[in-house]
Amino acid sequence: MYIGIFWIYEDSIYTYTQKAVKATQDVEIGHVDYWDSLRQKHKELKEYPYDCIPRGRVLLKDDKSIVYSSKEIINDSRKRALISDVFKLNESTEFKYDEHYSQIIDLGFEEL
């Protein structure tokens, strides 16, 4: 089982993963911290800020995997399966909506 952070863009998953070794564990790196190195490896992501692509986090709490993400990901069985496959999650994994991982959308405000 792995913990980490991820983004899903055009049916591909981009991750930072770590092997889970404790009953309760999370990675210390955040999306904003890892984004620049990820964009350097994947040119298709170069034009986007880290928070414009659907993303989430996988952690372990009391030996149970929990995936926190946006409704777009949580409600899509293909995306859940993709996350489960990459992070080697089992059927007892919880997928939970967290507003923090909702995509930033253009609200139509002009920059000053």
C-alpha atoms as a PDB file:
ATOM      1  CA  MET A   1       0.000   0.000   0.000  1.00  0.00           C
ATOM      2  CA  TYR A   2       1.189   3.504  -0.829  1.00  0.00           C
ATOM      3  CA  ILE A   3       0.379   7.004   0.354  1.00  0.00           C
ATOM      4  CA  GLY A   4       0.883  10.215  -1.558  1.00  0.00           C
ATOM      5  CA  ILE A   5      -0.582  12.925  -3.721  1.00  0.00           C
ATOM      6  CA  PHE A   6      -1.954  12.778  -7.244  1.00  0.00           C
ATOM      7  CA  TRP A   7      -3.427  14.667 -10.163  1.00  0.00           C
ATOM      8  CA  ILE A   8      -5.615  13.196 -12.893  1.00  0.00           C
ATOM      9  CA  TYR A   9      -5.373  14.811 -16.314  1.00  0.00           C
ATOM     10  CA  GLU A  10      -6.890  13.377 -19.510  1.00  0.00           C
ATOM     11  CA  ASP A  11      -7.274   9.888 -18.005  1.00  0.00           C
ATOM     12  CA  SER A  12      -3.647   9.767 -16.841  1.00  0.00           C
ATOM     13  CA  ILE A  13      -2.543   9.898 -13.225  1.00  0.00           C
ATOM     14  CA  TYR A  14       0.520  11.809 -12.044  1.00  0.00           C
ATOM     15  CA  THR A  15       1.726  11.000  -8.548  1.00  0.00           C
ATOM     16  CA  TYR A  16       4.150  11.358  -5.722  1.00  0.00           C
ATOM     17  CA  THR A  17       4.051   8.089  -3.762  1.00  0.00           C
ATOM     18  CA  GLN A  18       5.672   6.605  -0.713  1.00  0.00           C
ATOM     19  CA  LYS A  19       5.388   3.123   0.764  1.00  0.00           C
ATOM     20  CA  ALA A  20       3.140   3.170   3.840  1.00  0.00           C
ATOM     21  CA  VAL A  21       5.005   1.854   6.889  1.00  0.00           C
ATOM     22  CA  LYS A  22       2.905   3.024   9.861  1.00  0.00           C
ATOM     23  CA  ALA A  23      -0.738   2.528  10.833  1.00  0.00           C
ATOM     24  CA  THR A  24      -1.382   6.262  10.526  1.00  0.00           C
ATOM     25  CA  GLN A  25       0.671   8.091   7.946  1.00  0.00           C
ATOM     26  CA  ASP A  26       0.589  10.917   5.403  1.00  0.00           C
ATOM     27  CA  VAL A  27       3.265  12.303   3.086  1.00  0.00           C
ATOM     28  CA  GLU A  28       4.825  15.567   4.129  1.00  0.00           C
ATOM     29  CA  ILE A  29       5.017  17.010   0.631  1.00  0.00           C
ATOM     30  CA  GLY A  30       2.130  19.082  -0.674  1.00  0.00           C
ATOM     31  CA  HIS A  31       0.760  19.571  -4.162  1.00  0.00           C
ATOM     32  CA  VAL A  32       2.208  23.049  -4.511  1.00  0.00           C
ATOM     33  CA  ASP A  33       5.651  21.802  -3.393  1.00  0.00           C
ATOM     34  CA  TYR A  34       5.823  18.976  -5.929  1.00  0.00           C
ATOM     35  CA  TRP A  35       4.149  20.676  -8.889  1.00  0.00           C
ATOM     36  CA  ASP A  36       7.214  22.311 -10.490  1.00  0.00           C
ATOM     37  CA  SER A  37       9.220  19.092 -10.607  1.00  0.00           C
ATOM     38  CA  LEU A  38       6.212  17.232 -12.007  1.00  0.00           C
ATOM     39  CA  ARG A  39       5.702  19.841 -14.756  1.00  0.00           C
ATOM     40  CA  GLN A  40       9.354  19.555 -15.754  1.00  0.00           C
ATOM     41  CA  LYS A  41       8.896  15.811 -16.350  1.00  0.00           C
ATOM     42  CA  HIS A  42       5.528  16.087 -18.120  1.00  0.00           C
ATOM     43  CA  LYS A  43       5.328  18.824 -20.745  1.00  0.00           C
ATOM     44  CA  GLU A  44       1.537  18.426 -21.112  1.00  0.00           C
ATOM     45  CA  LEU A  45       1.185  19.926 -17.612  1.00  0.00           C
ATOM     46  CA  LYS A  46       3.505  22.863 -18.180  1.00  0.00           C
ATOM     47  CA  GLU A  47       0.802  25.459 -18.882  1.00  0.00           C
ATOM     48  CA  TYR A  48      -1.293  24.751 -15.794  1.00  0.00           C
ATOM     49  CA  PRO A  49      -1.098  25.907 -12.191  1.00  0.00           C
ATOM     50  CA  TYR A  50      -1.176  23.023  -9.690  1.00  0.00           C
ATOM     51  CA  ASP A  51      -4.740  23.722  -8.585  1.00  0.00           C
ATOM     52  CA  CYS A  52      -6.389  23.715 -12.028  1.00  0.00           C
ATOM     53  CA  ILE A  53      -6.077  19.963 -12.554  1.00  0.00           C
ATOM     54  CA  PRO A  54      -8.187  17.585 -10.436  1.00  0.00           C
ATOM     55  CA  ARG A  55      -6.067  16.322  -7.564  1.00  0.00           C
ATOM     56  CA  GLY A  56      -6.150  14.530  -4.250  1.00  0.00           C
ATOM     57  CA  ARG A  57      -4.291  12.798  -1.446  1.00  0.00           C
ATOM     58  CA  VAL A  58      -4.030   9.212  -0.204  1.00  0.00           C
ATOM     59  CA  LEU A  59      -3.213   8.638   3.451  1.00  0.00           C
ATOM     60  CA  LEU A  60      -3.416   5.913   6.037  1.00  0.00           C
ATOM     61  CA  LYS A  61      -5.426   6.274   9.237  1.00  0.00           C
ATOM     62  CA  ASP A  62      -5.606   3.374  11.697  1.00  0.00           C
ATOM     63  CA  ASP A  63      -4.458   0.967   8.965  1.00  0.00           C
ATOM     64  CA  LYS A  64      -7.215   2.139   6.597  1.00  0.00           C
ATOM     65  CA  SER A  65      -6.530   3.957   3.324  1.00  0.00           C
ATOM     66  CA  ILE A  66      -8.435   7.179   2.775  1.00  0.00           C
ATOM     67  CA  VAL A  67      -8.507   9.109  -0.490  1.00  0.00           C
ATOM     68  CA  TYR A  68      -9.434  12.775  -0.245  1.00  0.00           C
ATOM     69  CA  SER A  69     -10.346  14.476  -3.496  1.00  0.00           C
ATOM     70  CA  SER A  70     -12.903  16.466  -5.490  1.00  0.00           C
ATOM     71  CA  LYS A  71     -16.411  15.298  -6.357  1.00  0.00           C
ATOM     72  CA  GLU A  72     -15.258  14.977  -9.975  1.00  0.00           C
ATOM     73  CA  ILE A  73     -12.852  12.222  -8.947  1.00  0.00           C
ATOM     74  CA  ILE A  74     -14.781  10.655  -6.063  1.00  0.00           C
ATOM     75  CA  ASN A  75     -17.902  10.181  -8.216  1.00  0.00           C
ATOM     76  CA  ASP A  76     -16.043   8.616 -11.173  1.00  0.00           C
ATOM     77  CA  SER A  77     -15.528   4.839 -10.843  1.00  0.00           C
ATOM     78  CA  ARG A  78     -12.803   4.795 -13.536  1.00  0.00           C
ATOM     79  CA  LYS A  79     -10.783   7.432 -11.689  1.00  0.00           C
ATOM     80  CA  ARG A  80     -11.260   5.638  -8.368  1.00  0.00           C
ATOM     81  CA  ALA A  81     -10.017   2.426  -9.995  1.00  0.00           C
ATOM     82  CA  LEU A  82      -6.996   4.244 -11.433  1.00  0.00           C
ATOM     83  CA  ILE A  83      -6.074   5.609  -7.995  1.00  0.00           C
ATOM     84  CA  SER A  84      -6.618   2.220  -6.362  1.00  0.00           C
ATOM     85  CA  ASP A  85      -4.402   0.516  -8.921  1.00  0.00           C
ATOM     86  CA  VAL A  86      -1.499   2.982  -8.670  1.00  0.00           C
ATOM     87  CA  PHE A  87      -1.557   3.205  -4.863  1.00  0.00           C
ATOM     88  CA  LYS A  88      -2.273  -0.551  -4.432  1.00  0.00           C
ATOM     89  CA  LEU A  89      -5.387   0.131  -2.359  1.00  0.00           C
ATOM     90  CA  ASN A  90      -7.850  -2.502  -1.204  1.00  0.00           C
ATOM     91  CA  GLU A  91     -11.653  -2.619  -1.283  1.00  0.00           C
ATOM     92  CA  SER A  92     -11.987  -1.142   2.198  1.00  0.00           C
ATOM     93  CA  THR A  93     -10.483   2.176   1.038  1.00  0.00           C
ATOM     94  CA  GLU A  94     -12.670   5.185   1.755  1.00  0.00           C
ATOM     95  CA  PHE A  95     -13.080   7.874  -0.897  1.00  0.00           C
ATOM     96  CA  LYS A  96     -14.026  11.176   0.720  1.00  0.00           C
ATOM     97  CA  TYR A  97     -14.907  14.515  -0.770  1.00  0.00           C
ATOM     98  CA  ASP A  98     -12.770  17.392   0.463  1.00  0.00           C
ATOM     99  CA  GLU A  99     -13.535  20.895  -0.782  1.00  0.00           C
ATOM    100  CA  HIS A 100      -9.831  21.724  -0.560  1.00  0.00           C
ATOM    101  CA  TYR A 101      -9.257  19.575  -3.668  1.00  0.00           C
ATOM    102  CA  SER A 102     -11.995  21.154  -5.770  1.00  0.00           C
ATOM    103  CA  GLN A 103     -10.789  22.545  -9.056  1.00  0.00           C
ATOM    104  CA  ILE A 104     -10.219  26.282  -9.302  1.00  0.00           C
ATOM    105  CA  ILE A 105     -12.531  27.638 -11.983  1.00  0.00           C
ATOM    106  CA  ASP A 106     -12.527  30.913 -13.819  1.00  0.00           C
ATOM    107  CA  LEU A 107     -15.201  33.017 -12.175  1.00  0.00           C
ATOM    108  CA  GLY A 108     -14.898  35.712 -14.809  1.00  0.00           C
ATOM    109  CA  PHE A 109     -13.137  38.334 -12.709  1.00  0.00           C
ATOM    110  CA  GLU A 110     -10.637  40.527 -14.471  1.00  0.00           C
ATOM    111  CA  GLU A 111      -7.123  40.846 -13.111  1.00  0.00           C
ATOM    112  CA  LEU A 112      -6.214  44.238 -11.718  1.00  0.00           C
END
